[in-house]
Amino acid sequence: KFLPPDGIKIFANVLHTHLAGTGLTLSVIRENDNGEYQEIRPVDRNLQYDFNFQQTNHLMEEITVLPGDILLLRCYYNTRGRTGVTIGGESTNEEMCLAFPVYYPQVEMNTCL
């Protein structure tokens, strides 16, 4: 209900997690004619993520996200060296799993995609 009928075009993305993050993958999921959901293609993937080397990834080709599509973000962590529970939060010793797709056209919305 937020996207235009022709969808949006993602042309860049930033992946973000904290110190325990080891990898992230952002994918487009679309419903096929049989009513099943399938991954169309990855938007961005970094399976060697390093918190100290974050960057904007400019995609080789734009990716269209249509109304009804799902953006699925997978994050991978390694907390083996930690002695306590790792919780979600803003501190670098806490964790988060975020993607910041850069797209056009501008979409008027008051919530996250």
N, C-alpha and C. Protein backbone atom coordinates (compact mmCIF):
# COMPACT_ATOMS: atom_id res chain seq x y z
N LYS A 1 0.81 -1.20 0.00
CA LYS A 1 0.00 0.00 0.00
C LYS A 1 0.85 1.26 0.00
N PHE A 2 2.16 1.12 0.23
CA PHE A 2 3.04 2.28 0.22
C PHE A 2 3.75 2.45 -1.12
N LEU A 3 3.93 1.35 -1.83
CA LEU A 3 4.72 1.40 -3.06
C LEU A 3 3.85 1.75 -4.26
N PRO A 4 4.44 2.45 -5.23
CA PRO A 4 3.70 2.72 -6.46
C PRO A 4 3.48 1.41 -7.23
N PRO A 5 2.50 1.36 -8.14
CA PRO A 5 2.20 0.12 -8.87
C PRO A 5 3.40 -0.48 -9.60
N ASP A 6 4.31 0.36 -10.09
CA ASP A 6 5.51 -0.13 -10.78
C ASP A 6 6.65 -0.44 -9.82
N GLY A 7 6.41 -0.25 -8.53
CA GLY A 7 7.41 -0.56 -7.52
C GLY A 7 8.47 0.50 -7.36
N ILE A 8 9.51 0.13 -6.66
CA ILE A 8 10.67 1.00 -6.45
C ILE A 8 11.90 0.30 -7.02
N LYS A 9 12.92 1.08 -7.29
CA LYS A 9 14.19 0.57 -7.82
C LYS A 9 15.27 0.79 -6.77
N ILE A 10 15.82 -0.31 -6.24
CA ILE A 10 16.93 -0.21 -5.29
C ILE A 10 18.22 -0.17 -6.10
N PHE A 11 19.06 0.85 -5.81
CA PHE A 11 20.32 0.96 -6.54
C PHE A 11 21.55 0.92 -5.63
N ALA A 12 21.34 0.96 -4.32
CA ALA A 12 22.44 0.86 -3.37
C ALA A 12 21.88 0.38 -2.03
N ASN A 13 22.75 -0.04 -1.15
CA ASN A 13 22.32 -0.53 0.15
C ASN A 13 23.47 -0.46 1.14
N VAL A 14 23.10 -0.29 2.42
CA VAL A 14 24.06 -0.38 3.52
C VAL A 14 23.57 -1.47 4.46
N LEU A 15 24.43 -2.43 4.77
CA LEU A 15 24.14 -3.47 5.74
C LEU A 15 24.78 -3.07 7.07
N HIS A 16 24.10 -3.38 8.19
CA HIS A 16 24.64 -2.95 9.48
C HIS A 16 24.26 -3.93 10.58
N THR A 17 25.28 -4.32 11.33
CA THR A 17 25.11 -5.04 12.59
C THR A 17 26.26 -4.58 13.49
N HIS A 18 26.38 -5.16 14.67
CA HIS A 18 27.43 -4.73 15.58
C HIS A 18 28.55 -5.75 15.65
N LEU A 19 29.29 -5.78 16.75
CA LEU A 19 30.55 -6.52 16.83
C LEU A 19 30.41 -8.04 16.68
N ALA A 20 29.29 -8.62 17.06
CA ALA A 20 29.12 -10.07 16.92
C ALA A 20 28.65 -10.46 15.52
N GLY A 21 28.27 -9.49 14.71
CA GLY A 21 27.78 -9.78 13.37
C GLY A 21 28.89 -10.31 12.46
N THR A 22 28.61 -11.41 11.77
CA THR A 22 29.58 -12.00 10.84
C THR A 22 29.10 -11.98 9.40
N GLY A 23 27.80 -11.77 9.19
CA GLY A 23 27.28 -11.76 7.83
C GLY A 23 25.84 -11.30 7.78
N LEU A 24 25.45 -10.74 6.62
CA LEU A 24 24.08 -10.30 6.39
C LEU A 24 23.72 -10.55 4.94
N THR A 25 22.45 -10.86 4.70
CA THR A 25 21.94 -11.02 3.35
C THR A 25 20.56 -10.38 3.28
N LEU A 26 20.35 -9.49 2.30
CA LEU A 26 19.05 -8.86 2.05
C LEU A 26 18.53 -9.41 0.73
N SER A 27 17.32 -9.99 0.75
CA SER A 27 16.74 -10.62 -0.43
C SER A 27 15.33 -10.10 -0.70
N VAL A 28 14.91 -10.22 -1.96
CA VAL A 28 13.53 -9.92 -2.35
C VAL A 28 12.78 -11.24 -2.47
N ILE A 29 11.65 -11.34 -1.77
CA ILE A 29 10.79 -12.52 -1.81
C ILE A 29 9.50 -12.11 -2.51
N ARG A 30 9.05 -12.95 -3.47
CA ARG A 30 7.85 -12.63 -4.24
C ARG A 30 6.95 -13.86 -4.32
N GLU A 31 5.64 -13.62 -4.29
CA GLU A 31 4.67 -14.70 -4.43
C GLU A 31 4.56 -15.09 -5.90
N ASN A 32 4.65 -16.40 -6.18
CA ASN A 32 4.53 -16.85 -7.58
C ASN A 32 3.07 -17.16 -7.91
N ASP A 33 2.82 -17.64 -9.11
CA ASP A 33 1.45 -17.91 -9.57
C ASP A 33 0.76 -19.01 -8.78
N ASN A 34 1.52 -19.86 -8.10
CA ASN A 34 0.96 -20.94 -7.28
C ASN A 34 0.69 -20.51 -5.85
N GLY A 35 0.92 -19.24 -5.53
CA GLY A 35 0.71 -18.74 -4.18
C GLY A 35 1.85 -19.06 -3.23
N GLU A 36 2.97 -19.56 -3.78
CA GLU A 36 4.13 -19.85 -2.96
C GLU A 36 5.09 -18.68 -3.03
N TYR A 37 5.81 -18.47 -1.93
CA TYR A 37 6.79 -17.39 -1.88
C TYR A 37 8.17 -17.94 -2.22
N GLN A 38 8.88 -17.22 -3.05
CA GLN A 38 10.23 -17.65 -3.41
C GLN A 38 11.16 -16.46 -3.47
N GLU A 39 12.43 -16.74 -3.20
CA GLU A 39 13.43 -15.68 -3.27
C GLU A 39 13.69 -15.36 -4.74
N ILE A 40 13.50 -14.09 -5.11
CA ILE A 40 13.75 -13.65 -6.48
C ILE A 40 15.25 -13.51 -6.70
N ARG A 41 15.87 -12.79 -5.81
CA ARG A 41 17.32 -12.58 -5.91
C ARG A 41 17.81 -11.86 -4.67
N PRO A 42 19.08 -12.04 -4.34
CA PRO A 42 19.62 -11.23 -3.25
C PRO A 42 19.81 -9.80 -3.71
N VAL A 43 19.52 -8.88 -2.82
CA VAL A 43 19.78 -7.46 -3.08
C VAL A 43 21.22 -7.15 -2.71
N ASP A 44 21.62 -7.62 -1.55
CA ASP A 44 22.97 -7.35 -1.04
C ASP A 44 23.36 -8.49 -0.13
N ARG A 45 24.65 -8.84 -0.16
CA ARG A 45 25.13 -9.94 0.67
C ARG A 45 26.56 -9.65 1.08
N ASN A 46 26.82 -9.82 2.37
CA ASN A 46 28.18 -9.72 2.87
C ASN A 46 28.33 -10.78 3.95
N LEU A 47 28.95 -11.90 3.59
CA LEU A 47 29.13 -13.00 4.53
C LEU A 47 30.47 -12.94 5.25
N GLN A 48 31.21 -11.85 5.02
CA GLN A 48 32.48 -11.59 5.72
C GLN A 48 32.39 -10.23 6.41
N TYR A 49 31.23 -9.93 6.98
CA TYR A 49 30.97 -8.61 7.56
C TYR A 49 31.98 -8.27 8.64
N ASP A 50 32.44 -7.02 8.61
CA ASP A 50 33.36 -6.50 9.62
C ASP A 50 32.84 -5.13 10.04
N PHE A 51 32.50 -5.01 11.31
CA PHE A 51 31.95 -3.76 11.85
C PHE A 51 32.85 -2.56 11.55
N ASN A 52 34.15 -2.78 11.46
CA ASN A 52 35.10 -1.68 11.25
C ASN A 52 35.20 -1.24 9.78
N PHE A 53 34.57 -1.97 8.89
CA PHE A 53 34.65 -1.65 7.46
C PHE A 53 33.25 -1.63 6.83
N GLN A 54 32.38 -0.76 7.31
CA GLN A 54 31.04 -0.64 6.76
C GLN A 54 31.06 0.29 5.55
N GLN A 55 30.22 -0.02 4.58
CA GLN A 55 30.21 0.80 3.38
C GLN A 55 28.84 0.77 2.71
N THR A 56 28.64 1.71 1.80
CA THR A 56 27.49 1.68 0.92
C THR A 56 27.85 0.82 -0.28
N ASN A 57 27.01 -0.15 -0.58
CA ASN A 57 27.24 -1.02 -1.73
C ASN A 57 26.37 -0.53 -2.89
N HIS A 58 26.99 -0.07 -3.95
CA HIS A 58 26.27 0.34 -5.15
C HIS A 58 26.08 -0.91 -6.00
N LEU A 59 24.83 -1.26 -6.28
CA LEU A 59 24.51 -2.50 -6.96
C LEU A 59 24.91 -2.44 -8.44
N MET A 60 25.28 -3.58 -8.98
CA MET A 60 25.66 -3.66 -10.39
C MET A 60 24.47 -3.36 -11.29
N GLU A 61 23.28 -3.76 -10.86
CA GLU A 61 22.06 -3.41 -11.59
C GLU A 61 20.95 -3.14 -10.58
N GLU A 62 20.03 -2.28 -10.94
CA GLU A 62 18.92 -1.93 -10.05
C GLU A 62 18.02 -3.15 -9.84
N ILE A 63 17.41 -3.21 -8.68
CA ILE A 63 16.50 -4.30 -8.35
C ILE A 63 15.13 -3.70 -8.08
N THR A 64 14.12 -4.22 -8.76
CA THR A 64 12.75 -3.73 -8.60
C THR A 64 12.06 -4.47 -7.47
N VAL A 65 11.45 -3.71 -6.58
CA VAL A 65 10.62 -4.26 -5.50
C VAL A 65 9.20 -3.81 -5.79
N LEU A 66 8.30 -4.78 -5.99
CA LEU A 66 6.91 -4.49 -6.35
C LEU A 66 6.01 -4.50 -5.12
N PRO A 67 4.84 -3.87 -5.21
CA PRO A 67 3.87 -3.98 -4.11
C PRO A 67 3.60 -5.46 -3.82
N GLY A 68 3.59 -5.84 -2.57
CA GLY A 68 3.38 -7.24 -2.18
C GLY A 68 4.67 -8.02 -1.98
N ASP A 69 5.78 -7.52 -2.50
CA ASP A 69 7.07 -8.18 -2.27
C ASP A 69 7.48 -8.06 -0.81
N ILE A 70 8.37 -8.92 -0.41
CA ILE A 70 8.90 -8.92 0.95
C ILE A 70 10.41 -8.72 0.85
N LEU A 71 10.94 -7.83 1.68
CA LEU A 71 12.38 -7.72 1.84
C LEU A 71 12.76 -8.52 3.08
N LEU A 72 13.57 -9.56 2.89
CA LEU A 72 13.97 -10.44 3.97
C LEU A 72 15.43 -10.19 4.29
N LEU A 73 15.71 -9.83 5.54
CA LEU A 73 17.07 -9.58 6.00
C LEU A 73 17.48 -10.70 6.95
N ARG A 74 18.57 -11.38 6.60
CA ARG A 74 19.12 -12.44 7.46
C ARG A 74 20.45 -11.93 8.04
N CYS A 75 20.61 -12.13 9.34
CA CYS A 75 21.86 -11.73 10.00
C CYS A 75 22.46 -12.94 10.70
N TYR A 76 23.78 -13.03 10.65
CA TYR A 76 24.51 -14.14 11.25
C TYR A 76 25.47 -13.57 12.30
N TYR A 77 25.56 -14.27 13.42
CA TYR A 77 26.35 -13.78 14.55
C TYR A 77 27.27 -14.86 15.09
N ASN A 78 28.35 -14.41 15.72
CA ASN A 78 29.24 -15.31 16.45
C ASN A 78 29.45 -14.69 17.83
N THR A 79 28.88 -15.33 18.85
CA THR A 79 29.02 -14.85 20.23
C THR A 79 29.76 -15.87 21.10
N ARG A 80 30.54 -16.74 20.48
CA ARG A 80 31.22 -17.81 21.23
C ARG A 80 32.15 -17.28 22.31
N GLY A 81 32.77 -16.13 22.11
CA GLY A 81 33.70 -15.60 23.10
C GLY A 81 33.03 -14.83 24.23
N ARG A 82 31.73 -14.73 24.19
CA ARG A 82 31.01 -13.96 25.22
C ARG A 82 30.54 -14.87 26.34
N THR A 83 30.57 -14.33 27.55
CA THR A 83 30.17 -15.13 28.71
C THR A 83 28.73 -14.88 29.13
N GLY A 84 28.13 -13.80 28.67
CA GLY A 84 26.75 -13.48 29.03
C GLY A 84 25.84 -13.47 27.81
N VAL A 85 24.61 -13.16 28.06
CA VAL A 85 23.60 -13.08 27.01
C VAL A 85 23.83 -11.81 26.19
N THR A 86 23.71 -11.91 24.88
CA THR A 86 23.78 -10.74 24.01
C THR A 86 22.36 -10.30 23.70
N ILE A 87 22.06 -9.05 24.02
CA ILE A 87 20.71 -8.53 23.78
C ILE A 87 20.76 -7.53 22.62
N GLY A 88 19.61 -7.21 22.10
CA GLY A 88 19.51 -6.19 21.07
C GLY A 88 19.59 -4.81 21.67
N GLY A 89 20.23 -3.88 20.97
CA GLY A 89 20.33 -2.52 21.47
C GLY A 89 21.26 -1.67 20.63
N GLU A 90 21.49 -0.45 21.08
CA GLU A 90 22.29 0.51 20.32
C GLU A 90 23.78 0.44 20.62
N SER A 91 24.18 -0.13 21.74
CA SER A 91 25.59 -0.25 22.08
C SER A 91 26.27 -1.25 21.14
N THR A 92 27.55 -1.05 20.85
CA THR A 92 28.24 -1.99 19.96
C THR A 92 28.39 -3.37 20.59
N ASN A 93 28.27 -3.50 21.92
CA ASN A 93 28.30 -4.81 22.56
C ASN A 93 26.93 -5.48 22.58
N GLU A 94 25.90 -4.72 22.22
CA GLU A 94 24.56 -5.27 22.01
C GLU A 94 24.46 -5.52 20.50
N GLU A 95 23.36 -6.02 20.02
CA GLU A 95 23.26 -6.34 18.60
C GLU A 95 22.04 -5.71 17.94
N MET A 96 22.16 -5.56 16.64
CA MET A 96 21.07 -5.13 15.79
C MET A 96 21.29 -5.73 14.41
N CYS A 97 20.26 -5.70 13.60
CA CYS A 97 20.29 -6.27 12.26
C CYS A 97 19.51 -5.31 11.35
N LEU A 98 20.23 -4.52 10.55
CA LEU A 98 19.58 -3.48 9.76
C LEU A 98 20.09 -3.45 8.32
N ALA A 99 19.23 -3.02 7.43
CA ALA A 99 19.60 -2.73 6.05
C ALA A 99 19.00 -1.38 5.70
N PHE A 100 19.73 -0.61 4.93
CA PHE A 100 19.28 0.71 4.49
C PHE A 100 19.30 0.76 2.97
N PRO A 101 18.24 0.24 2.31
CA PRO A 101 18.22 0.30 0.86
C PRO A 101 18.04 1.74 0.37
N VAL A 102 18.75 2.08 -0.69
CA VAL A 102 18.64 3.41 -1.32
C VAL A 102 17.89 3.19 -2.62
N TYR A 103 16.78 3.91 -2.81
CA TYR A 103 15.87 3.62 -3.92
C TYR A 103 15.23 4.88 -4.47
N TYR A 104 14.57 4.71 -5.59
CA TYR A 104 13.72 5.75 -6.18
C TYR A 104 12.51 5.05 -6.80
N PRO A 105 11.41 5.71 -7.04
CA PRO A 105 11.11 7.10 -6.70
C PRO A 105 10.83 7.23 -5.20
N GLN A 106 10.82 8.48 -4.77
CA GLN A 106 10.50 8.75 -3.37
C GLN A 106 9.11 8.23 -3.04
N VAL A 107 8.98 7.61 -1.88
CA VAL A 107 7.71 7.06 -1.43
C VAL A 107 7.31 7.78 -0.16
N GLU A 108 6.11 8.30 -0.14
CA GLU A 108 5.58 8.95 1.06
C GLU A 108 5.07 7.87 2.01
N MET A 109 5.68 7.77 3.19
CA MET A 109 5.23 6.79 4.16
C MET A 109 5.59 7.27 5.56
N ASN A 110 4.92 6.68 6.53
CA ASN A 110 5.20 7.04 7.92
C ASN A 110 5.59 5.80 8.73
N THR A 111 6.10 4.79 8.03
CA THR A 111 6.54 3.55 8.68
C THR A 111 7.69 2.96 7.88
N CYS A 112 8.34 1.96 8.43
CA CYS A 112 9.41 1.28 7.69
C CYS A 112 8.82 0.32 6.68
N LEU A 113 9.57 0.07 5.61
CA LEU A 113 9.14 -0.93 4.62
C LEU A 113 9.30 -2.31 5.18
